Amino acid sequence: MQLSFKRTPGESKSRTLAELGSGEAATLVDLDLPIDFANRLMELGFLPGGPVFAAFSAPGGDPRVFRVEGAEIALRRETALRIHISPAVAA
């Protein structure tokens, strides 16, 4: 199941959370994950349309830590590859 927010019909390939560089911010677009996993991430603050910030990663590069809603959440690369983002909107 895919939970989406403001995805344009002509949008072919969006970036994923795994591609976000340390210190970069983005807006979460959708979660292409099983519904129970997507719901859990949304409970933690990964909401479509919300901001997400790449914090740091483990020494081997996996997992990576992301900041959402004031919390730091570690995600494995395989999960981050299924979370789509768009550039952050300047406030």
N, C-alpha and C. Protein backbone atom coordinates (compact mmCIF):
# COMPACT_ATOMS: atom_id res chain seq x y z
N MET A 1 0.84 -1.18 0.00
CA MET A 1 0.00 0.00 0.00
C MET A 1 0.88 1.23 0.00
N GLN A 2 0.43 2.25 -0.66
CA GLN A 2 1.19 3.49 -0.74
C GLN A 2 0.34 4.62 -0.20
N LEU A 3 0.90 5.35 0.76
CA LEU A 3 0.22 6.51 1.32
C LEU A 3 0.87 7.74 0.73
N SER A 4 0.11 8.55 0.01
CA SER A 4 0.67 9.67 -0.75
C SER A 4 0.15 11.02 -0.28
N PHE A 5 0.90 12.05 -0.67
CA PHE A 5 0.51 13.42 -0.38
C PHE A 5 1.03 14.31 -1.49
N LYS A 6 0.12 15.01 -2.18
CA LYS A 6 0.47 16.00 -3.20
C LYS A 6 1.49 15.50 -4.24
N ARG A 7 1.26 14.36 -4.80
CA ARG A 7 2.13 13.86 -5.85
C ARG A 7 1.55 14.28 -7.19
N THR A 8 2.36 14.88 -8.02
CA THR A 8 1.87 15.35 -9.30
C THR A 8 1.87 14.21 -10.32
N PRO A 9 0.89 14.17 -11.24
CA PRO A 9 0.79 13.09 -12.20
C PRO A 9 2.02 12.94 -13.09
N GLY A 10 2.69 14.03 -13.44
CA GLY A 10 3.85 13.97 -14.31
C GLY A 10 5.14 13.62 -13.61
N GLU A 11 5.09 13.45 -12.31
CA GLU A 11 6.30 13.18 -11.53
C GLU A 11 6.74 11.74 -11.79
N SER A 12 7.90 11.57 -12.40
CA SER A 12 8.33 10.23 -12.78
C SER A 12 9.15 9.56 -11.67
N LYS A 13 10.21 10.19 -11.24
CA LYS A 13 11.06 9.58 -10.22
C LYS A 13 11.32 10.60 -9.13
N SER A 14 10.89 10.25 -7.95
CA SER A 14 11.15 11.13 -6.83
C SER A 14 12.37 10.60 -6.07
N ARG A 15 12.92 11.46 -5.26
CA ARG A 15 14.05 11.05 -4.42
C ARG A 15 13.51 10.23 -3.26
N THR A 16 14.39 9.44 -2.68
CA THR A 16 14.02 8.68 -1.50
C THR A 16 14.77 9.21 -0.30
N LEU A 17 14.30 8.83 0.86
CA LEU A 17 14.92 9.26 2.11
C LEU A 17 16.37 8.78 2.18
N ALA A 18 16.67 7.65 1.56
CA ALA A 18 18.03 7.10 1.56
C ALA A 18 19.00 8.02 0.82
N GLU A 19 18.51 8.84 -0.09
CA GLU A 19 19.36 9.74 -0.88
C GLU A 19 19.60 11.08 -0.20
N LEU A 20 18.91 11.35 0.90
CA LEU A 20 19.04 12.62 1.60
C LEU A 20 20.39 12.67 2.31
N GLY A 21 21.17 13.70 2.03
CA GLY A 21 22.49 13.85 2.64
C GLY A 21 22.40 14.33 4.08
N SER A 22 23.41 14.04 4.86
CA SER A 22 23.44 14.48 6.26
C SER A 22 23.29 15.99 6.33
N GLY A 23 22.42 16.45 7.21
CA GLY A 23 22.17 17.87 7.38
C GLY A 23 21.13 18.44 6.43
N GLU A 24 20.68 17.66 5.45
CA GLU A 24 19.66 18.13 4.49
C GLU A 24 18.27 17.92 5.06
N ALA A 25 17.36 18.77 4.60
CA ALA A 25 15.95 18.66 4.97
C ALA A 25 15.13 18.39 3.73
N ALA A 26 13.98 17.76 3.91
CA ALA A 26 13.08 17.48 2.80
C ALA A 26 11.66 17.39 3.33
N THR A 27 10.72 17.31 2.41
CA THR A 27 9.32 17.11 2.76
C THR A 27 8.96 15.68 2.37
N LEU A 28 8.35 14.97 3.28
CA LEU A 28 7.96 13.59 3.02
C LEU A 28 6.78 13.57 2.05
N VAL A 29 6.86 12.75 1.02
CA VAL A 29 5.81 12.68 0.01
C VAL A 29 4.93 11.45 0.23
N ASP A 30 5.53 10.27 0.29
CA ASP A 30 4.72 9.06 0.53
C ASP A 30 5.55 7.94 1.15
N LEU A 31 4.84 7.00 1.72
CA LEU A 31 5.44 5.82 2.33
C LEU A 31 4.99 4.60 1.52
N ASP A 32 5.89 3.99 0.81
CA ASP A 32 5.58 2.82 -0.01
C ASP A 32 5.96 1.58 0.80
N LEU A 33 5.20 1.35 1.87
CA LEU A 33 5.51 0.29 2.83
C LEU A 33 4.24 -0.47 3.18
N PRO A 34 4.38 -1.67 3.76
CA PRO A 34 3.18 -2.37 4.24
C PRO A 34 2.42 -1.49 5.23
N ILE A 35 1.11 -1.58 5.23
CA ILE A 35 0.26 -0.67 5.99
C ILE A 35 0.59 -0.64 7.48
N ASP A 36 0.88 -1.78 8.09
CA ASP A 36 1.18 -1.77 9.52
C ASP A 36 2.49 -1.03 9.81
N PHE A 37 3.47 -1.21 8.94
CA PHE A 37 4.76 -0.52 9.12
C PHE A 37 4.60 0.98 8.84
N ALA A 38 3.84 1.32 7.78
CA ALA A 38 3.60 2.72 7.45
C ALA A 38 2.85 3.41 8.59
N ASN A 39 1.87 2.74 9.16
CA ASN A 39 1.12 3.32 10.28
C ASN A 39 2.03 3.57 11.47
N ARG A 40 2.93 2.65 11.77
CA ARG A 40 3.84 2.82 12.90
C ARG A 40 4.76 4.02 12.66
N LEU A 41 5.30 4.15 11.46
CA LEU A 41 6.16 5.29 11.15
C LEU A 41 5.39 6.61 11.24
N MET A 42 4.13 6.60 10.82
CA MET A 42 3.33 7.81 10.92
C MET A 42 3.06 8.16 12.38
N GLU A 43 2.88 7.17 13.23
CA GLU A 43 2.73 7.42 14.67
C GLU A 43 3.98 8.08 15.24
N LEU A 44 5.13 7.76 14.67
CA LEU A 44 6.40 8.32 15.12
C LEU A 44 6.68 9.71 14.53
N GLY A 45 5.86 10.14 13.57
CA GLY A 45 6.04 11.47 13.00
C GLY A 45 6.35 11.54 11.53
N PHE A 46 6.49 10.41 10.85
CA PHE A 46 6.75 10.40 9.40
C PHE A 46 5.42 10.58 8.68
N LEU A 47 4.95 11.82 8.64
CA LEU A 47 3.66 12.11 8.03
C LEU A 47 3.83 12.75 6.66
N PRO A 48 3.07 12.28 5.66
CA PRO A 48 3.14 12.91 4.34
C PRO A 48 2.88 14.41 4.46
N GLY A 49 3.75 15.20 3.83
CA GLY A 49 3.66 16.64 3.89
C GLY A 49 4.49 17.26 5.01
N GLY A 50 5.02 16.42 5.89
CA GLY A 50 5.80 16.92 7.01
C GLY A 50 7.29 16.96 6.71
N PRO A 51 8.02 17.77 7.47
CA PRO A 51 9.47 17.87 7.26
C PRO A 51 10.23 16.69 7.87
N VAL A 52 11.34 16.36 7.24
CA VAL A 52 12.24 15.33 7.76
C VAL A 52 13.66 15.81 7.53
N PHE A 53 14.53 15.56 8.50
CA PHE A 53 15.92 16.00 8.44
C PHE A 53 16.84 14.81 8.59
N ALA A 54 17.87 14.72 7.77
CA ALA A 54 18.86 13.65 7.89
C ALA A 54 19.88 14.07 8.94
N ALA A 55 20.04 13.27 9.97
CA ALA A 55 20.95 13.62 11.06
C ALA A 55 22.32 12.99 10.84
N PHE A 56 22.45 11.71 11.09
CA PHE A 56 23.74 11.04 10.97
C PHE A 56 23.50 9.56 10.70
N SER A 57 24.58 8.81 10.50
CA SER A 57 24.44 7.37 10.25
C SER A 57 25.44 6.60 11.11
N ALA A 58 25.20 5.32 11.22
CA ALA A 58 26.11 4.44 11.93
C ALA A 58 27.42 4.38 11.17
N PRO A 59 28.50 3.95 11.81
CA PRO A 59 29.81 3.90 11.13
C PRO A 59 29.80 3.17 9.79
N GLY A 60 29.02 2.13 9.65
CA GLY A 60 28.95 1.39 8.39
C GLY A 60 27.97 2.00 7.40
N GLY A 61 27.26 3.07 7.82
CA GLY A 61 26.31 3.73 6.94
C GLY A 61 24.87 3.26 7.10
N ASP A 62 24.64 2.20 7.86
CA ASP A 62 23.30 1.67 8.04
C ASP A 62 23.16 1.17 9.47
N PRO A 63 22.19 1.60 10.24
CA PRO A 63 21.07 2.47 9.88
C PRO A 63 21.45 3.94 9.88
N ARG A 64 20.52 4.76 9.39
CA ARG A 64 20.68 6.22 9.41
C ARG A 64 19.65 6.80 10.35
N VAL A 65 19.99 7.94 10.92
CA VAL A 65 19.09 8.60 11.86
C VAL A 65 18.47 9.83 11.19
N PHE A 66 17.16 9.94 11.33
CA PHE A 66 16.40 11.06 10.78
C PHE A 66 15.64 11.75 11.90
N ARG A 67 15.50 13.07 11.79
CA ARG A 67 14.75 13.85 12.78
C ARG A 67 13.38 14.21 12.22
N VAL A 68 12.35 13.83 12.98
CA VAL A 68 10.97 14.19 12.65
C VAL A 68 10.24 14.53 13.94
N GLU A 69 9.48 15.59 13.92
CA GLU A 69 8.66 15.96 15.08
C GLU A 69 9.46 16.01 16.38
N GLY A 70 10.71 16.45 16.31
CA GLY A 70 11.54 16.58 17.51
C GLY A 70 12.14 15.29 18.02
N ALA A 71 11.93 14.20 17.31
CA ALA A 71 12.48 12.90 17.72
C ALA A 71 13.53 12.45 16.70
N GLU A 72 14.45 11.62 17.15
CA GLU A 72 15.43 11.01 16.25
C GLU A 72 15.08 9.54 16.08
N ILE A 73 14.88 9.14 14.83
CA ILE A 73 14.46 7.79 14.50
C ILE A 73 15.49 7.16 13.57
N ALA A 74 15.96 5.97 13.90
CA ALA A 74 16.91 5.24 13.05
C ALA A 74 16.13 4.32 12.11
N LEU A 75 16.48 4.39 10.84
CA LEU A 75 15.85 3.54 9.82
C LEU A 75 16.92 2.82 9.02
N ARG A 76 16.65 1.58 8.68
CA ARG A 76 17.55 0.84 7.80
C ARG A 76 17.41 1.37 6.38
N ARG A 77 18.45 1.18 5.60
CA ARG A 77 18.47 1.67 4.21
C ARG A 77 17.31 1.08 3.41
N GLU A 78 17.01 -0.19 3.59
CA GLU A 78 15.93 -0.82 2.83
C GLU A 78 14.58 -0.15 3.10
N THR A 79 14.38 0.38 4.29
CA THR A 79 13.16 1.11 4.61
C THR A 79 13.21 2.52 4.02
N ALA A 80 14.35 3.20 4.19
CA ALA A 80 14.51 4.56 3.68
C ALA A 80 14.35 4.62 2.15
N LEU A 81 14.67 3.55 1.45
CA LEU A 81 14.52 3.51 -0.01
C LEU A 81 13.06 3.52 -0.43
N ARG A 82 12.15 3.21 0.48
CA ARG A 82 10.72 3.14 0.15
C ARG A 82 9.94 4.33 0.67
N ILE A 83 10.66 5.34 1.17
CA ILE A 83 10.02 6.57 1.64
C ILE A 83 10.44 7.69 0.69
N HIS A 84 9.47 8.25 -0.01
CA HIS A 84 9.74 9.24 -1.05
C HIS A 84 9.65 10.65 -0.48
N ILE A 85 10.53 11.52 -0.99
CA ILE A 85 10.64 12.89 -0.49
C ILE A 85 10.67 13.88 -1.65
N SER A 86 10.46 15.13 -1.32
CA SER A 86 10.65 16.23 -2.26
C SER A 86 11.48 17.28 -1.52
N PRO A 87 12.08 18.21 -2.26
CA PRO A 87 12.89 19.25 -1.59
C PRO A 87 12.06 19.98 -0.53
N ALA A 88 12.73 20.38 0.53
CA ALA A 88 12.05 21.10 1.61
C ALA A 88 11.57 22.46 1.13
N VAL A 89 10.43 22.86 1.59
CA VAL A 89 9.89 24.17 1.26
C VAL A 89 10.40 25.16 2.28
N ALA A 90 10.98 26.25 1.81
CA ALA A 90 11.50 27.27 2.72
C ALA A 90 10.35 27.95 3.44
N ALA A 91 10.53 28.13 4.76
CA ALA A 91 9.45 28.74 5.56
C ALA A 91 9.52 30.25 5.48
